[in-house]
């Protein structure tokens, strides 16, 4: 019987990125939503940016693609691309909101369901929070010298 190897989860991919010297970022898009009293503008995570010492190897690129929404949430926590995400991260760090509230908002920001997927991304959000608050900066800090930037 053949053994099936499951792809690595988002937390493992995040750790692998850090170990290999890569950092993540998020490009955002703003959508105009028509409203009877005027247009509203909503900002979403759009694309994942990966910087590192060399182009992303195929095996790592495949793992990133398989975990893209979760990794976009992790990148948004570590280096918030919009003020409201920064505010939520600060409130979480200050103990004013729970990890569940932060994860639910990030899930919606990256195009997932807040209630359905928020709990699923809590682990990678927590890992990104740990990385962004560490002395070394982990996978989430941009390298001093960038050799390669990719969108995955």
C-alpha atoms as a PDB file:
ATOM      1  CA  UNK A   1       0.000   0.000   0.000  1.00  0.00           C
ATOM      2  CA  UNK A   2       1.402   3.412  -0.988  1.00  0.00           C
ATOM      3  CA  UNK A   3       1.931   5.917   1.770  1.00  0.00           C
ATOM      4  CA  UNK A   4       0.305   9.303   1.221  1.00  0.00           C
ATOM      5  CA  UNK A   5       2.367  12.259   2.401  1.00  0.00           C
ATOM      6  CA  UNK A   6       0.284  15.264   3.312  1.00  0.00           C
ATOM      7  CA  UNK A   7       1.518  18.689   2.316  1.00  0.00           C
ATOM      8  CA  UNK A   8       2.979  20.795   5.110  1.00  0.00           C
ATOM      9  CA  UNK A   9       0.613  23.072   6.985  1.00  0.00           C
ATOM     10  CA  UNK A  10       0.883  26.847   7.110  1.00  0.00           C
ATOM     11  CA  UNK A  11       2.816  26.904  10.411  1.00  0.00           C
ATOM     12  CA  UNK A  12       5.424  24.502   9.015  1.00  0.00           C
ATOM     13  CA  UNK A  13       5.719  26.484   5.769  1.00  0.00           C
ATOM     14  CA  UNK A  14       6.124  29.719   7.752  1.00  0.00           C
ATOM     15  CA  UNK A  15       8.931  28.130   9.801  1.00  0.00           C
ATOM     16  CA  UNK A  16      10.562  26.781   6.631  1.00  0.00           C
ATOM     17  CA  UNK A  17      10.463  30.248   5.055  1.00  0.00           C
ATOM     18  CA  UNK A  18      12.131  31.724   8.139  1.00  0.00           C
ATOM     19  CA  UNK A  19      14.772  29.006   8.211  1.00  0.00           C
ATOM     20  CA  UNK A  20      15.609  29.571   4.536  1.00  0.00           C
ATOM     21  CA  UNK A  21      15.852  33.360   4.926  1.00  0.00           C
ATOM     22  CA  UNK A  22      12.579  34.390   3.243  1.00  0.00           C
ATOM     23  CA  UNK A  23      10.091  37.033   4.373  1.00  0.00           C
ATOM     24  CA  UNK A  24       6.445  37.579   3.455  1.00  0.00           C
ATOM     25  CA  UNK A  25       4.428  40.655   2.636  1.00  0.00           C
ATOM     26  CA  UNK A  26       0.947  41.395   1.347  1.00  0.00           C
ATOM     27  CA  UNK A  27      -0.194  43.526  -1.563  1.00  0.00           C
ATOM     28  CA  UNK A  28      -3.696  44.914  -1.031  1.00  0.00           C
ATOM     29  CA  UNK A  29      -6.528  45.936  -3.303  1.00  0.00           C
ATOM     30  CA  UNK A  30      -9.377  48.338  -2.598  1.00  0.00           C
ATOM     31  CA  UNK A  31     -12.834  47.530  -3.925  1.00  0.00           C
ATOM     32  CA  UNK A  32     -15.546  50.135  -4.363  1.00  0.00           C
ATOM     33  CA  UNK A  33     -18.887  48.964  -3.036  1.00  0.00           C
ATOM     34  CA  UNK A  34     -21.898  50.973  -4.241  1.00  0.00           C
ATOM     35  CA  UNK A  35     -24.185  52.187  -1.479  1.00  0.00           C
ATOM     36  CA  UNK A  36     -27.363  54.324  -1.628  1.00  0.00           C
ATOM     37  CA  UNK A  37     -25.687  57.212   0.220  1.00  0.00           C
ATOM     38  CA  UNK A  38     -22.350  56.950  -1.580  1.00  0.00           C
ATOM     39  CA  UNK A  39     -19.618  54.483  -2.330  1.00  0.00           C
ATOM     40  CA  UNK A  40     -17.814  52.535   0.381  1.00  0.00           C
ATOM     41  CA  UNK A  41     -14.250  51.331  -0.077  1.00  0.00           C
ATOM     42  CA  UNK A  42     -13.139  47.982   1.325  1.00  0.00           C
ATOM     43  CA  UNK A  43      -9.504  46.863   1.409  1.00  0.00           C
ATOM     44  CA  UNK A  44      -8.580  43.192   1.023  1.00  0.00           C
ATOM     45  CA  UNK A  45      -5.350  41.213   0.877  1.00  0.00           C
ATOM     46  CA  UNK A  46      -4.732  40.572  -2.793  1.00  0.00           C
ATOM     47  CA  UNK A  47      -1.352  38.927  -3.428  1.00  0.00           C
ATOM     48  CA  UNK A  48       1.405  37.360  -1.374  1.00  0.00           C
ATOM     49  CA  UNK A  49       4.928  38.761  -1.786  1.00  0.00           C
ATOM     50  CA  UNK A  50       7.963  36.620  -0.941  1.00  0.00           C
ATOM     51  CA  UNK A  51      11.474  38.069  -0.569  1.00  0.00           C
ATOM     52  CA  UNK A  52      14.599  36.107   0.058  1.00  0.00           C
ATOM     53  CA  UNK A  53      18.144  35.206  -0.828  1.00  0.00           C
ATOM     54  CA  UNK A  54      17.178  33.483  -4.101  1.00  0.00           C
ATOM     55  CA  UNK A  55      14.096  32.717  -6.201  1.00  0.00           C
ATOM     56  CA  UNK A  56      11.652  30.514  -4.307  1.00  0.00           C
ATOM     57  CA  UNK A  57      12.415  26.821  -4.994  1.00  0.00           C
ATOM     58  CA  UNK A  58       9.583  24.842  -6.627  1.00  0.00           C
ATOM     59  CA  UNK A  59       8.904  22.674  -3.559  1.00  0.00           C
ATOM     60  CA  UNK A  60       8.548  25.738  -1.339  1.00  0.00           C
ATOM     61  CA  UNK A  61       6.469  27.600  -3.945  1.00  0.00           C
ATOM     62  CA  UNK A  62       4.046  24.656  -4.071  1.00  0.00           C
ATOM     63  CA  UNK A  63       3.739  24.634  -0.278  1.00  0.00           C
ATOM     64  CA  UNK A  64       3.173  28.413  -0.269  1.00  0.00           C
ATOM     65  CA  UNK A  65       0.417  28.103  -2.907  1.00  0.00           C
ATOM     66  CA  UNK A  66      -1.272  25.346  -0.888  1.00  0.00           C
ATOM     67  CA  UNK A  67      -1.344  27.611   2.197  1.00  0.00           C
ATOM     68  CA  UNK A  68      -1.647  31.030   0.546  1.00  0.00           C
ATOM     69  CA  UNK A  69      -4.598  32.516   2.510  1.00  0.00           C
ATOM     70  CA  UNK A  70      -3.114  31.453   5.843  1.00  0.00           C
ATOM     71  CA  UNK A  71       0.305  32.847   4.906  1.00  0.00           C
ATOM     72  CA  UNK A  72      -1.274  36.134   3.770  1.00  0.00           C
ATOM     73  CA  UNK A  73      -2.895  36.385   7.214  1.00  0.00           C
ATOM     74  CA  UNK A  74       0.475  35.693   8.868  1.00  0.00           C
ATOM     75  CA  UNK A  75       2.181  38.339   6.732  1.00  0.00           C
ATOM     76  CA  UNK A  76      -0.562  40.859   7.527  1.00  0.00           C
ATOM     77  CA  UNK A  77      -0.059  40.329  11.265  1.00  0.00           C
ATOM     78  CA  UNK A  78       3.705  40.685  11.141  1.00  0.00           C
ATOM     79  CA  UNK A  79       3.756  43.726   8.866  1.00  0.00           C
ATOM     80  CA  UNK A  80       0.222  45.183   8.754  1.00  0.00           C
ATOM     81  CA  UNK A  81      -0.488  46.603   5.293  1.00  0.00           C
ATOM     82  CA  UNK A  82      -3.401  48.795   6.433  1.00  0.00           C
ATOM     83  CA  UNK A  83      -4.035  50.816   9.607  1.00  0.00           C
ATOM     84  CA  UNK A  84      -7.030  48.816  10.835  1.00  0.00           C
ATOM     85  CA  UNK A  85      -5.007  45.562  10.848  1.00  0.00           C
ATOM     86  CA  UNK A  86      -2.231  47.330  12.790  1.00  0.00           C
ATOM     87  CA  UNK A  87      -4.848  48.531  15.299  1.00  0.00           C
ATOM     88  CA  UNK A  88      -6.219  45.001  15.758  1.00  0.00           C
ATOM     89  CA  UNK A  89      -2.717  43.585  16.292  1.00  0.00           C
ATOM     90  CA  UNK A  90      -1.982  46.297  18.875  1.00  0.00           C
ATOM     91  CA  UNK A  91      -5.282  45.581  20.645  1.00  0.00           C
ATOM     92  CA  UNK A  92      -4.493  41.864  20.713  1.00  0.00           C
ATOM     93  CA  UNK A  93      -1.009  42.481  22.130  1.00  0.00           C
ATOM     94  CA  UNK A  94      -2.533  44.778  24.776  1.00  0.00           C
ATOM     95  CA  UNK A  95      -5.045  42.080  25.776  1.00  0.00           C
ATOM     96  CA  UNK A  96      -8.044  44.075  24.579  1.00  0.00           C
ATOM     97  CA  UNK A  97      -9.230  41.505  22.009  1.00  0.00           C
ATOM     98  CA  UNK A  98      -8.859  37.739  21.774  1.00  0.00           C
ATOM     99  CA  UNK A  99      -6.880  35.715  19.263  1.00  0.00           C
ATOM    100  CA  UNK A 100     -10.231  34.528  17.873  1.00  0.00           C
ATOM    101  CA  UNK A 101     -11.347  38.072  17.096  1.00  0.00           C
ATOM    102  CA  UNK A 102      -8.020  38.883  15.436  1.00  0.00           C
ATOM    103  CA  UNK A 103      -8.054  35.653  13.398  1.00  0.00           C
ATOM    104  CA  UNK A 104     -11.678  36.148  12.291  1.00  0.00           C
ATOM    105  CA  UNK A 105     -10.921  39.657  11.012  1.00  0.00           C
ATOM    106  CA  UNK A 106      -7.782  38.448   9.235  1.00  0.00           C
ATOM    107  CA  UNK A 107      -9.707  35.557   7.674  1.00  0.00           C
ATOM    108  CA  UNK A 108     -12.168  38.020   6.148  1.00  0.00           C
ATOM    109  CA  UNK A 109      -9.288  40.279   5.043  1.00  0.00           C
ATOM    110  CA  UNK A 110      -7.656  37.441   3.067  1.00  0.00           C
ATOM    111  CA  UNK A 111     -10.917  36.245   1.504  1.00  0.00           C
ATOM    112  CA  UNK A 112     -11.841  33.433   3.872  1.00  0.00           C
ATOM    113  CA  UNK A 113     -14.950  33.132   6.023  1.00  0.00           C
ATOM    114  CA  UNK A 114     -14.581  34.891   9.359  1.00  0.00           C
ATOM    115  CA  UNK A 115     -16.636  32.392  11.383  1.00  0.00           C
ATOM    116  CA  UNK A 116     -15.741  29.264   9.437  1.00  0.00           C
ATOM    117  CA  UNK A 117     -12.041  29.852   8.831  1.00  0.00           C
ATOM    118  CA  UNK A 118     -11.009  32.180  11.666  1.00  0.00           C
ATOM    119  CA  UNK A 119     -10.396  29.315  14.111  1.00  0.00           C
ATOM    120  CA  UNK A 120      -8.468  27.391  11.431  1.00  0.00           C
ATOM    121  CA  UNK A 121      -5.907  30.181  10.940  1.00  0.00           C
ATOM    122  CA  UNK A 122      -5.340  30.912  14.644  1.00  0.00           C
ATOM    123  CA  UNK A 123      -2.203  28.731  14.816  1.00  0.00           C
ATOM    124  CA  UNK A 124      -0.410  30.480  11.931  1.00  0.00           C
ATOM    125  CA  UNK A 125      -1.505  33.900  13.191  1.00  0.00           C
ATOM    126  CA  UNK A 126      -0.065  33.033  16.598  1.00  0.00           C
ATOM    127  CA  UNK A 127       3.196  31.832  14.994  1.00  0.00           C
ATOM    128  CA  UNK A 128       3.468  35.087  13.017  1.00  0.00           C
ATOM    129  CA  UNK A 129       2.829  37.123  16.166  1.00  0.00           C
ATOM    130  CA  UNK A 130       5.630  35.223  17.901  1.00  0.00           C
ATOM    131  CA  UNK A 131       7.973  35.827  14.943  1.00  0.00           C
ATOM    132  CA  UNK A 132       7.174  39.520  14.644  1.00  0.00           C
ATOM    133  CA  UNK A 133       7.775  40.116  18.325  1.00  0.00           C
ATOM    134  CA  UNK A 134      11.065  38.233  18.579  1.00  0.00           C
ATOM    135  CA  UNK A 135      14.526  39.775  18.720  1.00  0.00           C
ATOM    136  CA  UNK A 136      15.548  38.122  15.443  1.00  0.00           C
ATOM    137  CA  UNK A 137      12.354  39.097  13.652  1.00  0.00           C
ATOM    138  CA  UNK A 138      11.793  35.623  12.231  1.00  0.00           C
ATOM    139  CA  UNK A 139      10.396  35.013   8.761  1.00  0.00           C
ATOM    140  CA  UNK A 140       8.387  38.156   8.792  1.00  0.00           C
ATOM    141  CA  UNK A 141      11.119  40.805   8.701  1.00  0.00           C
ATOM    142  CA  UNK A 142      12.396  41.886   5.310  1.00  0.00           C
ATOM    143  CA  UNK A 143      15.971  40.748   4.751  1.00  0.00           C
ATOM    144  CA  UNK A 144      18.640  43.482   4.954  1.00  0.00           C
ATOM    145  CA  UNK A 145      19.749  42.688   1.426  1.00  0.00           C
ATOM    146  CA  UNK A 146      17.118  41.331  -0.893  1.00  0.00           C
ATOM    147  CA  UNK A 147      18.256  39.200  -3.763  1.00  0.00           C
ATOM    148  CA  UNK A 148      14.873  38.051  -5.014  1.00  0.00           C
ATOM    149  CA  UNK A 149      11.234  39.114  -4.766  1.00  0.00           C
ATOM    150  CA  UNK A 150       8.431  36.895  -6.071  1.00  0.00           C
ATOM    151  CA  UNK A 151       4.694  36.734  -6.043  1.00  0.00           C
ATOM    152  CA  UNK A 152       3.364  33.281  -5.310  1.00  0.00           C
END
